[in-house]
Amino acid sequence: MGKSSSMAVAEKISWYCAVFAAMMLLMNSFQVAEEGSTEIVEQQQPSMMITGYPDRRPACDEIYEVKEGETLQTISEKCGDPYIVEGNPHIHDHDDLFPGLLIRITPSF
């Protein structure tokens, strides 16, 4: 008798898991449909990162191209990455910076 009751419990749990999985798939399909909609959404412009405001995004992408007249200090302030040299082994000092150089930016939040 103990075996049949444990079998019934196992079947019931299996049924609940199947229903749960089906609901998750159904919810996921609605989410994908929303993401694929053709509505025109106004994109936010990147803004300077402001300390204390986690909803602000840094002004730089992960890969940044150095512009004319920029220094490690100005890029660090602009992009919110105080450790540019540590994240870019090809930069040994500030003299290694030149326009067109690609560097990795890791903003600190």
PDB file of N, CA and C in Angstrom:
ATOM      1  N   MET A   1       0.820  -1.187   0.000  1.00  0.00           N
ATOM      2  CA  MET A   1       0.000   0.000   0.000  1.00  0.00           C
ATOM      3  C   MET A   1       0.865   1.251   0.000  1.00  0.00           C
ATOM      4  N   GLY A   2       1.993   1.243   0.660  1.00  0.00           N
ATOM      5  CA  GLY A   2       2.885   2.388   0.715  1.00  0.00           C
ATOM      6  C   GLY A   2       3.461   2.717  -0.646  1.00  0.00           C
ATOM      7  N   LYS A   3       3.690   1.653  -1.452  1.00  0.00           N
ATOM      8  CA  LYS A   3       4.268   1.861  -2.768  1.00  0.00           C
ATOM      9  C   LYS A   3       3.286   2.544  -3.713  1.00  0.00           C
ATOM     10  N   SER A   4       2.007   2.165  -3.641  1.00  0.00           N
ATOM     11  CA  SER A   4       1.016   2.755  -4.538  1.00  0.00           C
ATOM     12  C   SER A   4       0.740   4.220  -4.179  1.00  0.00           C
ATOM     13  N   SER A   5       0.768   4.559  -2.890  1.00  0.00           N
ATOM     14  CA  SER A   5       0.524   5.954  -2.494  1.00  0.00           C
ATOM     15  C   SER A   5       1.715   6.826  -2.886  1.00  0.00           C
ATOM     16  N   SER A   6       2.925   6.293  -2.784  1.00  0.00           N
ATOM     17  CA  SER A   6       4.095   7.080  -3.204  1.00  0.00           C
ATOM     18  C   SER A   6       4.110   7.237  -4.724  1.00  0.00           C
ATOM     19  N   MET A   7       3.596   6.235  -5.430  1.00  0.00           N
ATOM     20  CA  MET A   7       3.495   6.319  -6.888  1.00  0.00           C
ATOM     21  C   MET A   7       2.479   7.387  -7.280  1.00  0.00           C
ATOM     22  N   ALA A   8       1.375   7.458  -6.547  1.00  0.00           N
ATOM     23  CA  ALA A   8       0.350   8.471  -6.821  1.00  0.00           C
ATOM     24  C   ALA A   8       0.907   9.878  -6.568  1.00  0.00           C
ATOM     25  N   VAL A   9       1.686  10.031  -5.515  1.00  0.00           N
ATOM     26  CA  VAL A   9       2.301  11.329  -5.211  1.00  0.00           C
ATOM     27  C   VAL A   9       3.298  11.704  -6.308  1.00  0.00           C
ATOM     28  N   ALA A  10       4.076  10.734  -6.751  1.00  0.00           N
ATOM     29  CA  ALA A  10       5.053  10.992  -7.812  1.00  0.00           C
ATOM     30  C   ALA A  10       4.359  11.399  -9.108  1.00  0.00           C
ATOM     31  N   GLU A  11       3.250  10.738  -9.432  1.00  0.00           N
ATOM     32  CA  GLU A  11       2.497  11.107 -10.637  1.00  0.00           C
ATOM     33  C   GLU A  11       1.917  12.508 -10.519  1.00  0.00           C
ATOM     34  N   LYS A  12       1.422  12.846  -9.333  1.00  0.00           N
ATOM     35  CA  LYS A  12       0.854  14.164  -9.106  1.00  0.00           C
ATOM     36  C   LYS A  12       1.940  15.243  -9.250  1.00  0.00           C
ATOM     37  N   ILE A  13       3.104  14.999  -8.674  1.00  0.00           N
ATOM     38  CA  ILE A  13       4.218  15.950  -8.782  1.00  0.00           C
ATOM     39  C   ILE A  13       4.649  16.084 -10.237  1.00  0.00           C
ATOM     40  N   SER A  14       4.716  14.963 -10.931  1.00  0.00           N
ATOM     41  CA  SER A  14       5.092  14.985 -12.342  1.00  0.00           C
ATOM     42  C   SER A  14       4.094  15.809 -13.144  1.00  0.00           C
ATOM     43  N   TRP A  15       2.816  15.661 -12.856  1.00  0.00           N
ATOM     44  CA  TRP A  15       1.778  16.423 -13.551  1.00  0.00           C
ATOM     45  C   TRP A  15       1.945  17.915 -13.283  1.00  0.00           C
ATOM     46  N   TYR A  16       2.184  18.310 -12.017  1.00  0.00           N
ATOM     47  CA  TYR A  16       2.377  19.715 -11.681  1.00  0.00           C
ATOM     48  C   TYR A  16       3.610  20.297 -12.385  1.00  0.00           C
ATOM     49  N   CYS A  17       4.662  19.511 -12.470  1.00  0.00           N
ATOM     50  CA  CYS A  17       5.869  19.967 -13.168  1.00  0.00           C
ATOM     51  C   CYS A  17       5.594  20.183 -14.653  1.00  0.00           C
ATOM     52  N   ALA A  18       4.835  19.298 -15.252  1.00  0.00           N
ATOM     53  CA  ALA A  18       4.504  19.438 -16.672  1.00  0.00           C
ATOM     54  C   ALA A  18       3.652  20.680 -16.915  1.00  0.00           C
ATOM     55  N   VAL A  19       2.683  20.930 -16.034  1.00  0.00           N
ATOM     56  CA  VAL A  19       1.835  22.120 -16.158  1.00  0.00           C
ATOM     57  C   VAL A  19       2.679  23.377 -15.973  1.00  0.00           C
ATOM     58  N   PHE A  20       3.566  23.369 -15.000  1.00  0.00           N
ATOM     59  CA  PHE A  20       4.451  24.502 -14.755  1.00  0.00           C
ATOM     60  C   PHE A  20       5.341  24.778 -15.973  1.00  0.00           C
ATOM     61  N   ALA A  21       5.925  23.743 -16.557  1.00  0.00           N
ATOM     62  CA  ALA A  21       6.779  23.901 -17.733  1.00  0.00           C
ATOM     63  C   ALA A  21       5.986  24.467 -18.911  1.00  0.00           C
ATOM     64  N   ALA A  22       4.757  23.980 -19.092  1.00  0.00           N
ATOM     65  CA  ALA A  22       3.913  24.485 -20.178  1.00  0.00           C
ATOM     66  C   ALA A  22       3.577  25.959 -19.964  1.00  0.00           C
ATOM     67  N   MET A  23       3.299  26.355 -18.732  1.00  0.00           N
ATOM     68  CA  MET A  23       3.012  27.758 -18.433  1.00  0.00           C
ATOM     69  C   MET A  23       4.236  28.632 -18.682  1.00  0.00           C
ATOM     70  N   MET A  24       5.408  28.152 -18.317  1.00  0.00           N
ATOM     71  CA  MET A  24       6.637  28.926 -18.544  1.00  0.00           C
ATOM     72  C   MET A  24       6.882  29.113 -20.038  1.00  0.00           C
ATOM     73  N   LEU A  25       6.667  28.074 -20.832  1.00  0.00           N
ATOM     74  CA  LEU A  25       6.823  28.189 -22.283  1.00  0.00           C
ATOM     75  C   LEU A  25       5.824  29.177 -22.870  1.00  0.00           C
ATOM     76  N   LEU A  26       4.607  29.133 -22.382  1.00  0.00           N
ATOM     77  CA  LEU A  26       3.576  30.046 -22.857  1.00  0.00           C
ATOM     78  C   LEU A  26       3.920  31.486 -22.504  1.00  0.00           C
ATOM     79  N   MET A  27       4.368  31.721 -21.285  1.00  0.00           N
ATOM     80  CA  MET A  27       4.750  33.073 -20.862  1.00  0.00           C
ATOM     81  C   MET A  27       5.951  33.565 -21.657  1.00  0.00           C
ATOM     82  N   ASN A  28       6.894  32.696 -21.936  1.00  0.00           N
ATOM     83  CA  ASN A  28       8.079  33.071 -22.709  1.00  0.00           C
ATOM     84  C   ASN A  28       7.688  33.459 -24.134  1.00  0.00           C
ATOM     85  N   SER A  29       6.716  32.768 -24.710  1.00  0.00           N
ATOM     86  CA  SER A  29       6.303  33.104 -26.073  1.00  0.00           C
ATOM     87  C   SER A  29       5.652  34.479 -26.116  1.00  0.00           C
ATOM     88  N   PHE A  30       4.934  34.872 -25.075  1.00  0.00           N
ATOM     89  CA  PHE A  30       4.354  36.211 -25.022  1.00  0.00           C
ATOM     90  C   PHE A  30       5.456  37.260 -24.902  1.00  0.00           C
ATOM     91  N   GLN A  31       6.473  36.974 -24.113  1.00  0.00           N
ATOM     92  CA  GLN A  31       7.579  37.923 -23.946  1.00  0.00           C
ATOM     93  C   GLN A  31       8.326  38.105 -25.256  1.00  0.00           C
ATOM     94  N   VAL A  32       8.588  37.033 -25.983  1.00  0.00           N
ATOM     95  CA  VAL A  32       9.273  37.111 -27.271  1.00  0.00           C
ATOM     96  C   VAL A  32       8.436  37.905 -28.260  1.00  0.00           C
ATOM     97  N   ALA A  33       7.117  37.710 -28.228  1.00  0.00           N
ATOM     98  CA  ALA A  33       6.231  38.443 -29.131  1.00  0.00           C
ATOM     99  C   ALA A  33       6.284  39.937 -28.832  1.00  0.00           C
ATOM    100  N   GLU A  34       6.356  40.322 -27.558  1.00  0.00           N
ATOM    101  CA  GLU A  34       6.446  41.728 -27.195  1.00  0.00           C
ATOM    102  C   GLU A  34       7.754  42.326 -27.671  1.00  0.00           C
ATOM    103  N   GLU A  35       8.859  41.598 -27.525  1.00  0.00           N
ATOM    104  CA  GLU A  35      10.166  42.104 -27.940  1.00  0.00           C
ATOM    105  C   GLU A  35      10.234  42.256 -29.456  1.00  0.00           C
ATOM    106  N   GLY A  36       9.524  41.423 -30.170  1.00  0.00           N
ATOM    107  CA  GLY A  36       9.565  41.461 -31.620  1.00  0.00           C
ATOM    108  C   GLY A  36       8.533  42.396 -32.229  1.00  0.00           C
ATOM    109  N   SER A  37       7.823  43.156 -31.410  1.00  0.00           N
ATOM    110  CA  SER A  37       6.781  44.036 -31.946  1.00  0.00           C
ATOM    111  C   SER A  37       7.394  45.139 -32.793  1.00  0.00           C
ATOM    112  N   THR A  38       6.567  45.715 -33.636  1.00  0.00           N
ATOM    113  CA  THR A  38       7.060  46.721 -34.580  1.00  0.00           C
ATOM    114  C   THR A  38       6.805  48.142 -34.090  1.00  0.00           C
ATOM    115  N   GLU A  39       6.522  48.318 -32.812  1.00  0.00           N
ATOM    116  CA  GLU A  39       6.313  49.652 -32.280  1.00  0.00           C
ATOM    117  C   GLU A  39       7.606  50.457 -32.354  1.00  0.00           C
ATOM    118  N   ILE A  40       7.456  51.742 -32.594  1.00  0.00           N
ATOM    119  CA  ILE A  40       8.619  52.622 -32.602  1.00  0.00           C
ATOM    120  C   ILE A  40       8.848  53.085 -31.176  1.00  0.00           C
ATOM    121  N   VAL A  41      10.012  52.768 -30.668  1.00  0.00           N
ATOM    122  CA  VAL A  41      10.350  53.114 -29.300  1.00  0.00           C
ATOM    123  C   VAL A  41      11.479  54.134 -29.341  1.00  0.00           C
ATOM    124  N   GLU A  42      11.311  55.211 -28.600  1.00  0.00           N
ATOM    125  CA  GLU A  42      12.346  56.237 -28.555  1.00  0.00           C
ATOM    126  C   GLU A  42      13.518  55.708 -27.737  1.00  0.00           C
ATOM    127  N   GLN A  43      14.705  55.720 -28.332  1.00  0.00           N
ATOM    128  CA  GLN A  43      15.883  55.228 -27.641  1.00  0.00           C
ATOM    129  C   GLN A  43      16.451  56.320 -26.755  1.00  0.00           C
ATOM    130  N   GLN A  44      16.949  55.900 -25.580  1.00  0.00           N
ATOM    131  CA  GLN A  44      17.594  56.842 -24.687  1.00  0.00           C
ATOM    132  C   GLN A  44      18.992  57.131 -25.196  1.00  0.00           C
ATOM    133  N   GLN A  45      19.380  58.368 -25.111  1.00  0.00           N
ATOM    134  CA  GLN A  45      20.739  58.732 -25.446  1.00  0.00           C
ATOM    135  C   GLN A  45      21.618  58.372 -24.259  1.00  0.00           C
ATOM    136  N   PRO A  46      22.817  57.853 -24.517  1.00  0.00           N
ATOM    137  CA  PRO A  46      23.710  57.573 -23.402  1.00  0.00           C
ATOM    138  C   PRO A  46      24.018  58.863 -22.648  1.00  0.00           C
ATOM    139  N   SER A  47      24.061  58.767 -21.344  1.00  0.00           N
ATOM    140  CA  SER A  47      24.349  59.945 -20.541  1.00  0.00           C
ATOM    141  C   SER A  47      25.561  59.683 -19.668  1.00  0.00           C
ATOM    142  N   MET A  48      26.104  60.736 -19.144  1.00  0.00           N
ATOM    143  CA  MET A  48      27.250  60.602 -18.261  1.00  0.00           C
ATOM    144  C   MET A  48      26.816  59.837 -17.015  1.00  0.00           C
ATOM    145  N   MET A  49      27.699  58.989 -16.513  1.00  0.00           N
ATOM    146  CA  MET A  49      27.377  58.237 -15.319  1.00  0.00           C
ATOM    147  C   MET A  49      27.495  59.177 -14.132  1.00  0.00           C
ATOM    148  N   ILE A  50      26.472  59.225 -13.306  1.00  0.00           N
ATOM    149  CA  ILE A  50      26.475  60.092 -12.148  1.00  0.00           C
ATOM    150  C   ILE A  50      26.461  59.212 -10.916  1.00  0.00           C
ATOM    151  N   THR A  51      27.434  59.419 -10.027  1.00  0.00           N
ATOM    152  CA  THR A  51      27.521  58.618  -8.819  1.00  0.00           C
ATOM    153  C   THR A  51      26.245  58.757  -8.011  1.00  0.00           C
ATOM    154  N   GLY A  52      25.732  57.637  -7.556  1.00  0.00           N
ATOM    155  CA  GLY A  52      24.523  57.636  -6.761  1.00  0.00           C
ATOM    156  C   GLY A  52      23.251  57.453  -7.566  1.00  0.00           C
ATOM    157  N   TYR A  53      23.350  57.425  -8.892  1.00  0.00           N
ATOM    158  CA  TYR A  53      22.190  57.235  -9.743  1.00  0.00           C
ATOM    159  C   TYR A  53      22.416  56.001 -10.610  1.00  0.00           C
ATOM    160  N   PRO A  54      22.065  54.814 -10.105  1.00  0.00           N
ATOM    161  CA  PRO A  54      22.341  53.583 -10.841  1.00  0.00           C
ATOM    162  C   PRO A  54      21.583  53.453 -12.149  1.00  0.00           C
ATOM    163  N   ASP A  55      20.540  54.267 -12.370  1.00  0.00           N
ATOM    164  CA  ASP A  55      19.786  54.160 -13.612  1.00  0.00           C
ATOM    165  C   ASP A  55      20.475  54.882 -14.762  1.00  0.00           C
ATOM    166  N   ARG A  56      21.540  55.614 -14.488  1.00  0.00           N
ATOM    167  CA  ARG A  56      22.289  56.316 -15.527  1.00  0.00           C
ATOM    168  C   ARG A  56      23.291  55.363 -16.153  1.00  0.00           C
ATOM    169  N   ARG A  57      23.413  55.422 -17.469  1.00  0.00           N
ATOM    170  CA  ARG A  57      24.370  54.573 -18.166  1.00  0.00           C
ATOM    171  C   ARG A  57      25.630  55.372 -18.459  1.00  0.00           C
ATOM    172  N   PRO A  58      26.781  54.727 -18.520  1.00  0.00           N
ATOM    173  CA  PRO A  58      27.996  55.453 -18.869  1.00  0.00           C
ATOM    174  C   PRO A  58      27.930  55.937 -20.312  1.00  0.00           C
ATOM    175  N   ALA A  59      28.707  56.959 -20.611  1.00  0.00           N
ATOM    176  CA  ALA A  59      28.671  57.572 -21.935  1.00  0.00           C
ATOM    177  C   ALA A  59      29.500  56.806 -22.961  1.00  0.00           C
ATOM    178  N   CYS A  60      30.154  55.734 -22.566  1.00  0.00           N
ATOM    179  CA  CYS A  60      31.059  55.020 -23.472  1.00  0.00           C
ATOM    180  C   CYS A  60      30.655  53.560 -23.624  1.00  0.00           C
ATOM    181  N   ASP A  61      30.931  53.025 -24.810  1.00  0.00           N
ATOM    182  CA  ASP A  61      30.729  51.594 -25.039  1.00  0.00           C
ATOM    183  C   ASP A  61      31.885  50.828 -24.419  1.00  0.00           C
ATOM    184  N   GLU A  62      31.777  49.501 -24.419  1.00  0.00           N
ATOM    185  CA  GLU A  62      32.833  48.669 -23.849  1.00  0.00           C
ATOM    186  C   GLU A  62      34.147  48.836 -24.608  1.00  0.00           C
ATOM    187  N   ILE A  63      34.071  48.974 -25.917  1.00  0.00           N
ATOM    188  CA  ILE A  63      35.262  49.257 -26.730  1.00  0.00           C
ATOM    189  C   ILE A  63      35.178  50.719 -27.147  1.00  0.00           C
ATOM    190  N   TYR A  64      36.204  51.493 -26.815  1.00  0.00           N
ATOM    191  CA  TYR A  64      36.200  52.932 -27.036  1.00  0.00           C
ATOM    192  C   TYR A  64      37.349  53.311 -27.965  1.00  0.00           C
ATOM    193  N   GLU A  65      37.072  54.174 -28.926  1.00  0.00           N
ATOM    194  CA  GLU A  65      38.110  54.674 -29.836  1.00  0.00           C
ATOM    195  C   GLU A  65      38.574  56.036 -29.348  1.00  0.00           C
ATOM    196  N   VAL A  66      39.876  56.141 -29.107  1.00  0.00           N
ATOM    197  CA  VAL A  66      40.463  57.381 -28.611  1.00  0.00           C
ATOM    198  C   VAL A  66      40.353  58.458 -29.690  1.00  0.00           C
ATOM    199  N   LYS A  67      39.922  59.660 -29.275  1.00  0.00           N
ATOM    200  CA  LYS A  67      39.792  60.797 -30.180  1.00  0.00           C
ATOM    201  C   LYS A  67      40.985  61.741 -30.019  1.00  0.00           C
ATOM    202  N   GLU A  68      41.151  62.621 -30.977  1.00  0.00           N
ATOM    203  CA  GLU A  68      42.233  63.618 -30.959  1.00  0.00           C
ATOM    204  C   GLU A  68      42.131  64.475 -29.695  1.00  0.00           C
ATOM    205  N   GLY A  69      43.240  64.642 -29.008  1.00  0.00           N
ATOM    206  CA  GLY A  69      43.307  65.505 -27.829  1.00  0.00           C
ATOM    207  C   GLY A  69      42.883  64.868 -26.528  1.00  0.00           C
ATOM    208  N   GLU A  70      42.441  63.613 -26.562  1.00  0.00           N
ATOM    209  CA  GLU A  70      42.014  62.955 -25.325  1.00  0.00           C
ATOM    210  C   GLU A  70      43.215  62.403 -24.564  1.00  0.00           C
ATOM    211  N   THR A  71      43.078  62.377 -23.267  1.00  0.00           N
ATOM    212  CA  THR A  71      44.092  61.794 -22.395  1.00  0.00           C
ATOM    213  C   THR A  71      43.444  60.675 -21.590  1.00  0.00           C
ATOM    214  N   LEU A  72      44.263  59.891 -20.892  1.00  0.00           N
ATOM    215  CA  LEU A  72      43.706  58.842 -20.038  1.00  0.00           C
ATOM    216  C   LEU A  72      42.777  59.452 -18.986  1.00  0.00           C
ATOM    217  N   GLN A  73      43.156  60.620 -18.479  1.00  0.00           N
ATOM    218  CA  GLN A  73      42.342  61.290 -17.461  1.00  0.00           C
ATOM    219  C   GLN A  73      40.973  61.695 -18.013  1.00  0.00           C
ATOM    220  N   THR A  74      40.945  62.315 -19.187  1.00  0.00           N
ATOM    221  CA  THR A  74      39.667  62.767 -19.741  1.00  0.00           C
ATOM    222  C   THR A  74      38.770  61.582 -20.116  1.00  0.00           C
ATOM    223  N   ILE A  75      39.371  60.516 -20.655  1.00  0.00           N
ATOM    224  CA  ILE A  75      38.591  59.323 -20.997  1.00  0.00           C
ATOM    225  C   ILE A  75      38.064  58.666 -19.731  1.00  0.00           C
ATOM    226  N   SER A  76      38.898  58.600 -18.699  1.00  0.00           N
ATOM    227  CA  SER A  76      38.500  58.010 -17.430  1.00  0.00           C
ATOM    228  C   SER A  76      37.313  58.758 -16.831  1.00  0.00           C
ATOM    229  N   GLU A  77      37.362  60.084 -16.859  1.00  0.00           N
ATOM    230  CA  GLU A  77      36.262  60.884 -16.321  1.00  0.00           C
ATOM    231  C   GLU A  77      35.007  60.746 -17.176  1.00  0.00           C
ATOM    232  N   LYS A  78      35.174  60.758 -18.489  1.00  0.00           N
ATOM    233  CA  LYS A  78      34.041  60.667 -19.395  1.00  0.00           C
ATOM    234  C   LYS A  78      33.338  59.315 -19.296  1.00  0.00           C
ATOM    235  N   CYS A  79      34.128  58.244 -19.195  1.00  0.00           N
ATOM    236  CA  CYS A  79      33.573  56.888 -19.262  1.00  0.00           C
ATOM    237  C   CYS A  79      33.359  56.243 -17.902  1.00  0.00           C
ATOM    238  N   GLY A  80      33.846  56.846 -16.842  1.00  0.00           N
ATOM    239  CA  GLY A  80      33.653  56.273 -15.514  1.00  0.00           C
ATOM    240  C   GLY A  80      34.521  55.066 -15.233  1.00  0.00           C
ATOM    241  N   ASP A  81      35.699  54.995 -15.865  1.00  0.00           N
ATOM    242  CA  ASP A  81      36.617  53.870 -15.659  1.00  0.00           C
ATOM    243  C   ASP A  81      37.945  54.390 -15.134  1.00  0.00           C
ATOM    244  N   PRO A  82      38.169  54.299 -13.809  1.00  0.00           N
ATOM    245  CA  PRO A  82      39.433  54.787 -13.257  1.00  0.00           C
ATOM    246  C   PRO A  82      40.612  53.834 -13.480  1.00  0.00           C
ATOM    247  N   TYR A  83      40.357  52.653 -14.039  1.00  0.00           N
ATOM    248  CA  TYR A  83      41.408  51.646 -14.205  1.00  0.00           C
ATOM    249  C   TYR A  83      41.624  51.281 -15.673  1.00  0.00           C
ATOM    250  N   ILE A  84      41.709  52.272 -16.541  1.00  0.00           N
ATOM    251  CA  ILE A  84      41.862  52.009 -17.973  1.00  0.00           C
ATOM    252  C   ILE A  84      43.164  51.265 -18.259  1.00  0.00           C
ATOM    253  N   VAL A  85      44.257  51.673 -17.647  1.00  0.00           N
ATOM    254  CA  VAL A  85      45.564  51.048 -17.912  1.00  0.00           C
ATOM    255  C   VAL A  85      45.556  49.580 -17.502  1.00  0.00           C
ATOM    256  N   GLU A  86      44.943  49.270 -16.362  1.00  0.00           N
ATOM    257  CA  GLU A  86      44.910  47.879 -15.886  1.00  0.00           C
ATOM    258  C   GLU A  86      44.104  46.987 -16.825  1.00  0.00           C
ATOM    259  N   GLY A  87      43.080  47.514 -17.466  1.00  0.00           N
ATOM    260  CA  GLY A  87      42.237  46.727 -18.352  1.00  0.00           C
ATOM    261  C   GLY A  87      42.741  46.650 -19.782  1.00  0.00           C
ATOM    262  N   ASN A  88      43.827  47.340 -20.078  1.00  0.00           N
ATOM    263  CA  ASN A  88      44.376  47.384 -21.435  1.00  0.00           C
ATOM    264  C   ASN A  88      45.884  47.159 -21.385  1.00  0.00           C
ATOM    265  N   PRO A  89      46.326  45.914 -21.484  1.00  0.00           N
ATOM    266  CA  PRO A  89      47.746  45.609 -21.343  1.00  0.00           C
ATOM    267  C   PRO A  89      48.630  46.245 -22.430  1.00  0.00           C
ATOM    268  N   HIS A  90      48.044  46.711 -23.534  1.00  0.00           N
ATOM    269  CA  HIS A  90      48.832  47.351 -24.587  1.00  0.00           C
ATOM    270  C   HIS A  90      49.140  48.815 -24.269  1.00  0.00           C
ATOM    271  N   ILE A  91      48.554  49.348 -23.189  1.00  0.00           N
ATOM    272  CA  ILE A  91      48.863  50.709 -22.750  1.00  0.00           C
ATOM    273  C   ILE A  91      49.763  50.609 -21.529  1.00  0.00           C
ATOM    274  N   HIS A  92      50.996  51.094 -21.660  1.00  0.00           N
ATOM    275  CA  HIS A  92      51.944  51.033 -20.544  1.00  0.00           C
ATOM    276  C   HIS A  92      52.008  52.363 -19.797  1.00  0.00           C
ATOM    277  N   ASP A  93      51.836  53.464 -20.488  1.00  0.00           N
ATOM    278  CA  ASP A  93      51.757  54.773 -19.851  1.00  0.00           C
ATOM    279  C   ASP A  93      50.959  55.720 -20.736  1.00  0.00           C
ATOM    280  N   HIS A  94      50.808  56.965 -20.298  1.00  0.00           N
ATOM    281  CA  HIS A  94      49.954  57.906 -21.023  1.00  0.00           C
ATOM    282  C   HIS A  94      50.486  58.253 -22.409  1.00  0.00           C
ATOM    283  N   ASP A  95      51.767  58.007 -22.668  1.00  0.00           N
ATOM    284  CA  ASP A  95      52.338  58.292 -23.996  1.00  0.00           C
ATOM    285  C   ASP A  95      51.898  57.274 -25.046  1.00  0.00           C
ATOM    286  N   ASP A  96      51.336  56.154 -24.626  1.00  0.00           N
ATOM    287  CA  ASP A  96      50.894  55.123 -25.566  1.00  0.00           C
ATOM    288  C   ASP A  96      49.524  55.433 -26.178  1.00  0.00           C
ATOM    289  N   LEU A  97      48.921  56.545 -25.795  1.00  0.00           N
ATOM    290  CA  LEU A  97      47.597  56.921 -26.285  1.00  0.00           C
ATOM    291  C   LEU A  97      47.709  57.746 -27.558  1.00  0.00           C
ATOM    292  N   PHE A  98      46.928  57.390 -28.586  1.00  0.00           N
ATOM    293  CA  PHE A  98      46.911  58.139 -29.840  1.00  0.00           C
ATOM    294  C   PHE A  98      45.527  58.009 -30.469  1.00  0.00           C
ATOM    295  N   PRO A  99      45.138  58.974 -31.311  1.00  0.00           N
ATOM    296  CA  PRO A  99      43.811  58.917 -31.946  1.00  0.00           C
ATOM    297  C   PRO A  99      43.638  57.643 -32.764  1.00  0.00           C
ATOM    298  N   GLY A 100      42.488  57.001 -32.597  1.00  0.00           N
ATOM    299  CA  GLY A 100      42.193  55.770 -33.317  1.00  0.00           C
ATOM    300  C   GLY A 100      42.481  54.513 -32.516  1.00  0.00           C
ATOM    301  N   LEU A 101      43.211  54.647 -31.409  1.00  0.00           N
ATOM    302  CA  LEU A 101      43.518  53.489 -30.561  1.00  0.00           C
ATOM    303  C   LEU A 101      42.230  52.972 -29.940  1.00  0.00           C
ATOM    304  N   LEU A 102      42.039  51.661 -29.957  1.00  0.00           N
ATOM    305  CA  LEU A 102      40.863  51.042 -29.340  1.00  0.00           C
ATOM    306  C   LEU A 102      41.233  50.554 -27.953  1.00  0.00           C
ATOM    307  N   ILE A 103      40.414  50.942 -26.982  1.00  0.00           N
ATOM    308  CA  ILE A 103      40.664  50.512 -25.604  1.00  0.00           C
ATOM    309  C   ILE A 103      39.387  49.929 -25.009  1.00  0.00           C
ATOM    310  N   ARG A 104      39.571  49.053 -24.049  1.00  0.00           N
ATOM    311  CA  ARG A 104      38.442  48.435 -23.351  1.00  0.00           C
ATOM    312  C   ARG A 104      38.075  49.306 -22.158  1.00  0.00           C
ATOM    313  N   ILE A 105      36.781  49.590 -22.024  1.00  0.00           N
ATOM    314  CA  ILE A 105      36.271  50.398 -20.924  1.00  0.00           C
ATOM    315  C   ILE A 105      35.445  49.500 -20.005  1.00  0.00           C
ATOM    316  N   THR A 106      35.733  49.581 -18.708  1.00  0.00           N
ATOM    317  CA  THR A 106      34.967  48.849 -17.707  1.00  0.00           C
ATOM    318  C   THR A 106      34.499  49.859 -16.676  1.00  0.00           C
ATOM    319  N   PRO A 107      33.317  50.447 -16.887  1.00  0.00           N
ATOM    320  CA  PRO A 107      32.858  51.472 -15.953  1.00  0.00           C
ATOM    321  C   PRO A 107      32.626  50.902 -14.553  1.00  0.00           C
ATOM    322  N   SER A 108      33.028  51.645 -13.556  1.00  0.00           N
ATOM    323  CA  SER A 108      32.787  51.211 -12.182  1.00  0.00           C
ATOM    324  C   SER A 108      31.482  51.825 -11.720  1.00  0.00           C
ATOM    325  N   PHE A 109      30.599  50.992 -11.195  1.00  0.00           N
ATOM    326  CA  PHE A 109      29.280  51.474 -10.771  1.00  0.00           C
ATOM    327  C   PHE A 109      29.247  51.643  -9.292  1.00  0.00           C
TER     328      PHE A 109
END
